[in-house]
Amino acid sequence: MKYRRFGKTNFNASEVSLGTWQLGSKWGDPFSEKDAQETLEAAYDAGVNFFDTADVYQDGASQRALAKFIKGKEDKVFVSTKVGRRLDPHVASGYNAKNIRGFVEDCLTNLDVDALDNVLLHCPPTQVYYEPEVFFTMDQLKKEGKIKNYGVSVEKVEEAMKALDYDISSVEIIYNMFRLRPADNFFKMAQEKDVGIIARVPLASGLLSGKYTLKTTFGKNDHRTTNRHGEEFDAGETFSGVDYATGVKAAEELKERLGTADKLAPMALRYILMSDAVSTVIPGASKPEQITRNVAAADLPVFTAKQMDIVRDVYNKYIKNPVQYKW
């Protein structure tokens, strides 16, 4: 495993880390504490020291599993947690000082720590970025010692750029072979302000595993079944906003032209790490064996200029319109 400085936090984060949306559970399935602990142990043994979670993941079970796991390792690991998506309805007015403080206190309890390493506002509505009181509340929580760092998880590049107006330490953003726009301008802006970048949805909800076909089906409670058109949350969260059939076709062309056969997933992760602005990438895993596949990406050879051109060409051919113009 290789490590990268996580912006102004100065923490050296594992290049390939762990996103815990699926921890201890496949989409829509019951939570398994045993699977969760075994997955966390496998990740840590492989050199992973950065864990991304949220208060809404498995209704707090993800955080509580992490709390159990990190006991005695607090100075060796970094836990970034998101807050806000528990709001129902999820509207800008819900991001007020009272609610934010309540979310932070709940996270402190769930993670069983005195201070949170990093708190990200969890994809708040765009209006929130134009309400400085929200970020001043985070500043105050930092002064009080309840949080050490804070930032945002965003849907749109414009939101990420606006967030740089505040004293944030990190931005979590969708960036993958099907979502190239963050690298055009935002990454440079973030580097200039020493803001760490967490690359999320790195495999476009599995499309970039290269294993899906037009006949592939997903569970009835899986967001890849229920949110293809944004029925539950932003459509960009599912398949990175790419039309499923188009994504399957684009993934097949990437496999053919990159010569990856069944190894598109680690190549997709390695592609993300080609940008030195990215601090860490957070693929998910619900079982220990998936960790091995993920972390292997850090040891793959760098992309050649020709390979980089292939990715951009496939993106321009299949994905750019309309994805680039929406997110």
Protein backbone atom coordinates (compact mmCIF):
# COMPACT_ATOMS: atom_id res chain seq x y z
CA MET A 1 0.00 0.00 0.00
CA LYS A 2 1.13 3.54 -0.76
CA TYR A 3 0.04 6.62 1.18
CA ARG A 4 -0.80 10.18 0.26
CA ARG A 5 -1.06 13.33 2.36
CA PHE A 6 -4.73 14.10 2.99
CA GLY A 7 -4.61 17.84 2.41
CA LYS A 8 -4.24 20.18 5.36
CA THR A 9 -5.18 17.41 7.83
CA ASN A 10 -1.59 16.17 7.32
CA PHE A 11 -2.76 12.58 7.74
CA ASN A 12 -1.09 10.13 5.37
CA ALA A 13 -4.03 8.19 3.97
CA SER A 14 -3.88 4.87 2.16
CA GLU A 15 -4.27 5.44 -1.58
CA VAL A 16 -6.99 2.79 -1.70
CA SER A 17 -9.23 3.03 1.34
CA LEU A 18 -12.63 1.69 2.31
CA GLY A 19 -16.07 3.16 1.80
CA THR A 20 -18.53 1.55 4.21
CA TRP A 21 -21.92 2.08 2.55
CA GLN A 22 -21.99 -1.68 1.93
CA LEU A 23 -20.10 -2.73 5.08
CA GLY A 24 -21.52 -5.95 6.52
CA SER A 25 -24.28 -6.04 3.94
CA LYS A 26 -25.04 -6.22 0.26
CA TRP A 27 -27.46 -3.59 -0.99
CA GLY A 28 -30.75 -3.99 0.89
CA ASP A 29 -29.68 -7.07 2.88
CA PRO A 30 -29.57 -7.31 6.70
CA PHE A 31 -26.42 -6.07 8.45
CA SER A 32 -23.90 -8.72 9.54
CA GLU A 33 -21.58 -7.67 12.38
CA LYS A 34 -19.34 -10.68 11.67
CA ASP A 35 -18.90 -9.77 7.99
CA ALA A 36 -18.31 -6.15 8.95
CA GLN A 37 -15.52 -6.91 11.41
CA GLU A 38 -13.86 -9.41 9.08
CA THR A 39 -13.96 -6.90 6.23
CA LEU A 40 -12.49 -4.14 8.39
CA GLU A 41 -9.73 -6.45 9.61
CA ALA A 42 -8.89 -7.52 6.05
CA ALA A 43 -8.68 -3.88 4.98
CA TYR A 44 -6.44 -2.91 7.90
CA ASP A 45 -4.18 -5.92 7.33
CA ALA A 46 -3.82 -4.82 3.70
CA GLY A 47 -2.63 -1.37 4.79
CA VAL A 48 -5.91 0.54 4.66
CA ASN A 49 -5.96 3.26 7.32
CA PHE A 50 -8.74 5.54 6.05
CA PHE A 51 -12.40 4.65 6.47
CA ASP A 52 -15.37 6.56 5.09
CA THR A 53 -18.75 6.21 6.77
CA ALA A 54 -21.99 8.12 7.40
CA ASP A 55 -24.57 8.33 10.13
CA VAL A 56 -27.19 7.08 7.69
CA TYR A 57 -25.32 3.92 6.64
CA GLN A 58 -27.22 0.92 7.98
CA ASP A 59 -28.91 3.32 10.39
CA GLY A 60 -25.68 3.85 12.33
CA ALA A 61 -24.55 0.20 12.32
CA SER A 62 -21.61 1.07 10.06
CA GLN A 63 -20.34 3.64 12.56
CA ARG A 64 -20.84 1.34 15.53
CA ALA A 65 -18.94 -1.45 13.76
CA LEU A 66 -16.09 0.98 13.13
CA ALA A 67 -16.16 2.07 16.77
CA LYS A 68 -15.57 -1.52 17.84
CA PHE A 69 -12.87 -2.04 15.26
CA ILE A 70 -10.78 1.10 15.90
CA LYS A 71 -10.42 0.59 19.66
CA GLY A 72 -6.71 0.72 20.35
CA LYS A 73 -5.96 1.89 16.80
CA GLU A 74 -7.21 5.47 17.10
CA ASP A 75 -3.80 7.00 16.38
CA LYS A 76 -3.24 4.75 13.35
CA VAL A 77 -6.52 5.21 11.47
CA PHE A 78 -8.62 8.10 10.19
CA VAL A 79 -12.41 7.95 10.11
CA SER A 80 -14.29 10.38 7.90
CA THR A 81 -18.01 10.49 8.60
CA LYS A 82 -20.84 12.20 6.76
CA VAL A 83 -23.91 13.86 8.28
CA GLY A 84 -27.15 15.29 6.98
CA ARG A 85 -28.82 12.61 4.93
CA ARG A 86 -30.93 11.55 7.90
CA LEU A 87 -32.98 14.67 7.29
CA ASP A 88 -36.46 13.88 6.01
CA PRO A 89 -37.15 15.81 3.93
CA HIS A 90 -33.57 16.42 2.89
CA VAL A 91 -33.83 20.18 2.42
CA ALA A 92 -31.49 23.14 2.91
CA SER A 93 -33.36 24.46 5.95
CA GLY A 94 -32.52 21.22 7.78
CA TYR A 95 -28.84 22.16 7.78
CA ASN A 96 -29.20 24.46 10.76
CA ALA A 97 -26.98 24.74 13.84
CA LYS A 98 -29.30 22.69 16.06
CA ASN A 99 -29.53 19.76 13.64
CA ILE A 100 -25.84 19.78 12.75
CA ARG A 101 -24.88 19.75 16.41
CA GLY A 102 -27.27 16.88 17.01
CA PHE A 103 -25.82 14.89 14.13
CA VAL A 104 -22.27 15.43 15.40
CA GLU A 105 -23.21 14.37 18.94
CA ASP A 106 -24.83 11.19 17.57
CA CYS A 107 -21.69 10.41 15.57
CA LEU A 108 -19.52 10.92 18.65
CA THR A 109 -21.71 8.41 20.46
CA ASN A 110 -21.81 5.88 17.61
CA LEU A 111 -18.06 6.04 17.02
CA ASP A 112 -17.33 6.24 20.76
CA VAL A 113 -14.70 8.96 20.42
CA ASP A 114 -14.12 12.36 22.02
CA ALA A 115 -13.57 14.11 18.68
CA LEU A 116 -14.38 13.19 15.10
CA ASP A 117 -11.43 13.04 12.68
CA ASN A 118 -13.41 14.50 9.80
CA VAL A 119 -17.05 15.44 9.26
CA LEU A 120 -18.50 15.92 5.79
CA LEU A 121 -21.85 17.50 5.08
CA HIS A 122 -23.55 14.69 3.17
CA CYS A 123 -24.45 16.01 -0.28
CA PRO A 124 -26.53 18.93 0.98
CA PRO A 125 -28.80 20.82 -1.44
CA THR A 126 -26.93 23.41 -3.50
CA GLN A 127 -28.46 26.29 -1.52
CA VAL A 128 -26.54 25.21 1.59
CA TYR A 129 -23.24 26.23 -0.01
CA TYR A 130 -24.55 29.80 -0.12
CA GLU A 131 -25.43 29.87 3.57
CA PRO A 132 -22.19 30.69 5.43
CA GLU A 133 -23.82 30.14 8.83
CA VAL A 134 -23.74 26.40 8.12
CA PHE A 135 -19.98 26.46 7.73
CA PHE A 136 -19.53 28.85 10.64
CA THR A 137 -21.29 26.23 12.78
CA MET A 138 -18.68 23.71 11.66
CA ASP A 139 -15.94 26.20 12.51
CA GLN A 140 -17.38 26.55 16.00
CA LEU A 141 -17.58 22.77 16.50
CA LYS A 142 -13.93 22.62 15.52
CA LYS A 143 -13.05 25.30 18.09
CA GLU A 144 -14.96 23.33 20.72
CA GLY A 145 -12.89 20.25 19.94
CA LYS A 146 -15.80 18.07 18.85
CA ILE A 147 -14.48 17.78 15.30
CA LYS A 148 -10.90 17.99 14.07
CA ASN A 149 -11.60 18.70 10.40
CA TYR A 150 -14.60 19.19 8.17
CA GLY A 151 -15.60 19.34 4.54
CA VAL A 152 -18.32 18.35 2.12
CA SER A 153 -19.46 15.44 0.03
CA VAL A 154 -20.89 16.83 -3.20
CA GLU A 155 -23.00 15.89 -6.17
CA LYS A 156 -21.84 18.67 -8.51
CA VAL A 157 -18.48 20.17 -9.40
CA GLU A 158 -19.94 23.65 -8.89
CA GLU A 159 -20.78 22.75 -5.28
CA ALA A 160 -17.21 21.57 -4.71
CA MET A 161 -15.84 24.83 -6.08
CA LYS A 162 -18.18 26.93 -3.92
CA ALA A 163 -17.21 24.94 -0.82
CA LEU A 164 -13.62 26.14 -1.28
CA ASP A 165 -14.80 29.57 -0.06
CA TYR A 166 -14.90 28.10 3.45
CA ASP A 167 -12.27 26.66 5.78
CA ILE A 168 -12.77 23.08 4.63
CA SER A 169 -10.15 20.35 4.79
CA SER A 170 -11.60 17.93 2.24
CA VAL A 171 -14.08 17.31 -0.53
CA GLU A 172 -15.58 13.95 -1.40
CA ILE A 173 -16.62 13.85 -5.05
CA ILE A 174 -17.63 11.31 -7.68
CA TYR A 175 -14.64 10.78 -9.93
CA ASN A 176 -14.09 7.79 -12.20
CA MET A 177 -13.67 6.83 -15.86
CA PHE A 178 -17.30 7.85 -16.42
CA ARG A 179 -17.03 11.12 -14.47
CA LEU A 180 -13.99 13.05 -15.65
CA ARG A 181 -15.04 16.65 -15.18
CA PRO A 182 -13.66 17.14 -11.62
CA ALA A 183 -10.13 16.84 -13.04
CA ASP A 184 -10.66 19.62 -15.58
CA ASN A 185 -10.47 22.57 -13.16
CA PHE A 186 -11.60 21.66 -9.66
CA PHE A 187 -8.67 19.43 -8.72
CA LYS A 188 -6.19 22.24 -9.33
CA MET A 189 -8.30 24.66 -7.30
CA ALA A 190 -8.44 22.20 -4.39
CA GLN A 191 -4.68 21.64 -4.49
CA GLU A 192 -4.06 25.37 -4.32
CA LYS A 193 -6.04 25.48 -1.07
CA ASP A 194 -4.47 22.26 0.26
CA VAL A 195 -7.86 20.51 0.35
CA GLY A 196 -7.82 16.71 0.32
CA ILE A 197 -9.85 14.86 -2.30
CA ILE A 198 -11.78 11.65 -1.59
CA ALA A 199 -12.84 9.94 -4.83
CA ARG A 200 -16.18 8.20 -4.33
CA VAL A 201 -18.31 5.90 -6.54
CA PRO A 202 -15.04 4.85 -8.22
CA LEU A 203 -16.55 1.93 -10.14
CA ALA A 204 -19.74 3.72 -11.18
CA SER A 205 -21.89 1.40 -9.04
CA GLY A 206 -20.18 -1.61 -10.58
CA LEU A 207 -20.42 -0.67 -14.25
CA LEU A 208 -16.65 -0.25 -14.30
CA SER A 209 -16.14 -3.76 -13.00
CA GLY A 210 -16.81 -4.76 -16.60
CA LYS A 211 -18.88 -7.70 -15.39
CA TYR A 212 -22.37 -6.36 -16.05
CA THR A 213 -24.45 -7.12 -19.12
CA LEU A 214 -27.85 -6.00 -20.33
CA LYS A 215 -29.26 -9.11 -18.64
CA THR A 216 -27.74 -8.38 -15.22
CA THR A 217 -30.35 -7.90 -12.50
CA PHE A 218 -30.10 -6.35 -9.05
CA GLY A 219 -32.00 -6.85 -5.79
CA LYS A 220 -35.39 -5.24 -5.36
CA ASN A 221 -34.04 -2.94 -2.61
CA ASP A 222 -30.76 -2.21 -4.41
CA HIS A 223 -30.41 1.45 -5.47
CA ARG A 224 -29.33 0.15 -8.89
CA THR A 225 -32.92 -1.04 -9.22
CA THR A 226 -34.77 1.69 -7.36
CA ASN A 227 -32.83 4.88 -8.18
CA ARG A 228 -31.89 4.71 -11.85
CA HIS A 229 -33.75 7.93 -12.54
CA GLY A 230 -33.22 9.64 -9.20
CA GLU A 231 -36.38 8.33 -7.56
CA GLU A 232 -34.75 8.18 -4.08
CA PHE A 233 -31.75 10.52 -4.27
CA ASP A 234 -29.58 12.21 -6.88
CA ALA A 235 -29.45 10.09 -10.05
CA GLY A 236 -25.70 10.73 -10.25
CA GLU A 237 -25.18 8.39 -7.29
CA THR A 238 -26.34 5.39 -9.34
CA PHE A 239 -24.08 4.33 -12.21
CA SER A 240 -22.57 7.86 -11.94
CA GLY A 241 -25.67 9.12 -13.75
CA VAL A 242 -24.88 7.07 -16.86
CA ASP A 243 -27.70 5.35 -18.72
CA TYR A 244 -27.27 1.67 -17.86
CA ALA A 245 -27.23 0.26 -21.40
CA THR A 246 -24.82 2.98 -22.51
CA GLY A 247 -22.58 2.26 -19.54
CA VAL A 248 -22.44 -1.45 -20.35
CA LYS A 249 -21.45 -0.65 -23.93
CA ALA A 250 -18.79 1.86 -22.81
CA ALA A 251 -17.33 -0.59 -20.28
CA GLU A 252 -17.09 -3.28 -22.96
CA GLU A 253 -15.19 -0.91 -25.24
CA LEU A 254 -12.83 0.05 -22.40
CA LYS A 255 -12.09 -3.63 -21.75
CA GLU A 256 -11.41 -4.27 -25.42
CA ARG A 257 -9.23 -1.23 -26.06
CA LEU A 258 -7.34 -1.34 -22.77
CA GLY A 259 -6.88 -5.11 -23.04
CA THR A 260 -8.04 -5.67 -19.46
CA ALA A 261 -10.24 -8.75 -19.96
CA ASP A 262 -11.76 -9.31 -16.51
CA LYS A 263 -9.49 -6.79 -14.77
CA LEU A 264 -11.30 -3.56 -15.55
CA ALA A 265 -12.16 -2.85 -11.89
CA PRO A 266 -8.56 -2.53 -10.61
CA MET A 267 -7.65 -0.61 -13.76
CA ALA A 268 -10.52 1.79 -13.07
CA LEU A 269 -9.21 2.36 -9.54
CA ARG A 270 -5.64 2.82 -10.82
CA TYR A 271 -6.88 5.39 -13.32
CA ILE A 272 -8.26 7.52 -10.47
CA LEU A 273 -4.89 7.40 -8.72
CA MET A 274 -3.21 8.83 -11.81
CA SER A 275 -4.27 12.24 -10.49
CA ASP A 276 -1.97 13.51 -7.75
CA ALA A 277 -4.82 15.71 -6.53
CA VAL A 278 -6.68 12.61 -5.32
CA SER A 279 -5.78 11.80 -1.73
CA THR A 280 -7.63 8.49 -1.57
CA VAL A 281 -10.20 6.42 -3.43
CA ILE A 282 -12.92 4.62 -1.46
CA PRO A 283 -14.31 1.51 -3.16
CA GLY A 284 -16.79 -0.40 -1.04
CA ALA A 285 -16.61 -3.99 0.13
CA SER A 286 -19.13 -6.22 1.84
CA LYS A 287 -16.82 -9.23 2.18
CA PRO A 288 -13.09 -9.61 3.02
CA GLU A 289 -12.22 -11.15 -0.36
CA GLN A 290 -13.27 -7.94 -2.11
CA ILE A 291 -10.58 -6.04 -0.23
CA THR A 292 -7.81 -7.96 -1.98
CA ARG A 293 -9.17 -6.97 -5.39
CA ASN A 294 -9.45 -3.33 -4.40
CA VAL A 295 -6.06 -2.78 -2.82
CA ALA A 296 -4.26 -4.54 -5.69
CA ALA A 297 -5.04 -1.49 -7.81
CA ALA A 298 -2.42 0.58 -5.99
CA ASP A 299 0.33 -1.71 -7.31
CA LEU A 300 -0.69 -1.66 -10.98
CA PRO A 301 1.57 0.13 -13.48
CA VAL A 302 0.83 3.74 -14.27
CA PHE A 303 -1.33 4.39 -17.32
CA THR A 304 0.47 5.15 -20.54
CA ALA A 305 -0.41 8.30 -22.49
CA LYS A 306 -2.19 6.06 -25.01
CA GLN A 307 -4.28 4.43 -22.28
CA MET A 308 -5.21 7.83 -20.86
CA ASP A 309 -6.32 8.89 -24.35
CA ILE A 310 -8.45 5.76 -24.68
CA VAL A 311 -10.34 6.57 -21.48
CA ARG A 312 -10.99 10.14 -22.62
CA ASP A 313 -12.06 8.95 -26.07
CA VAL A 314 -14.58 6.46 -24.68
CA TYR A 315 -15.85 9.12 -22.29
CA ASN A 316 -16.32 11.63 -25.09
CA LYS A 317 -18.00 9.03 -27.29
CA TYR A 318 -20.52 7.62 -24.80
CA ILE A 319 -20.61 9.54 -21.53
CA LYS A 320 -19.85 13.25 -21.86
CA ASN A 321 -23.32 14.12 -23.13
CA PRO A 322 -25.25 14.45 -20.86
CA VAL A 323 -23.22 13.52 -17.74
CA GLN A 324 -20.63 16.31 -17.96
CA TYR A 325 -23.32 18.96 -18.30
CA LYS A 326 -25.38 17.74 -15.33
CA TRP A 327 -22.70 17.15 -12.72
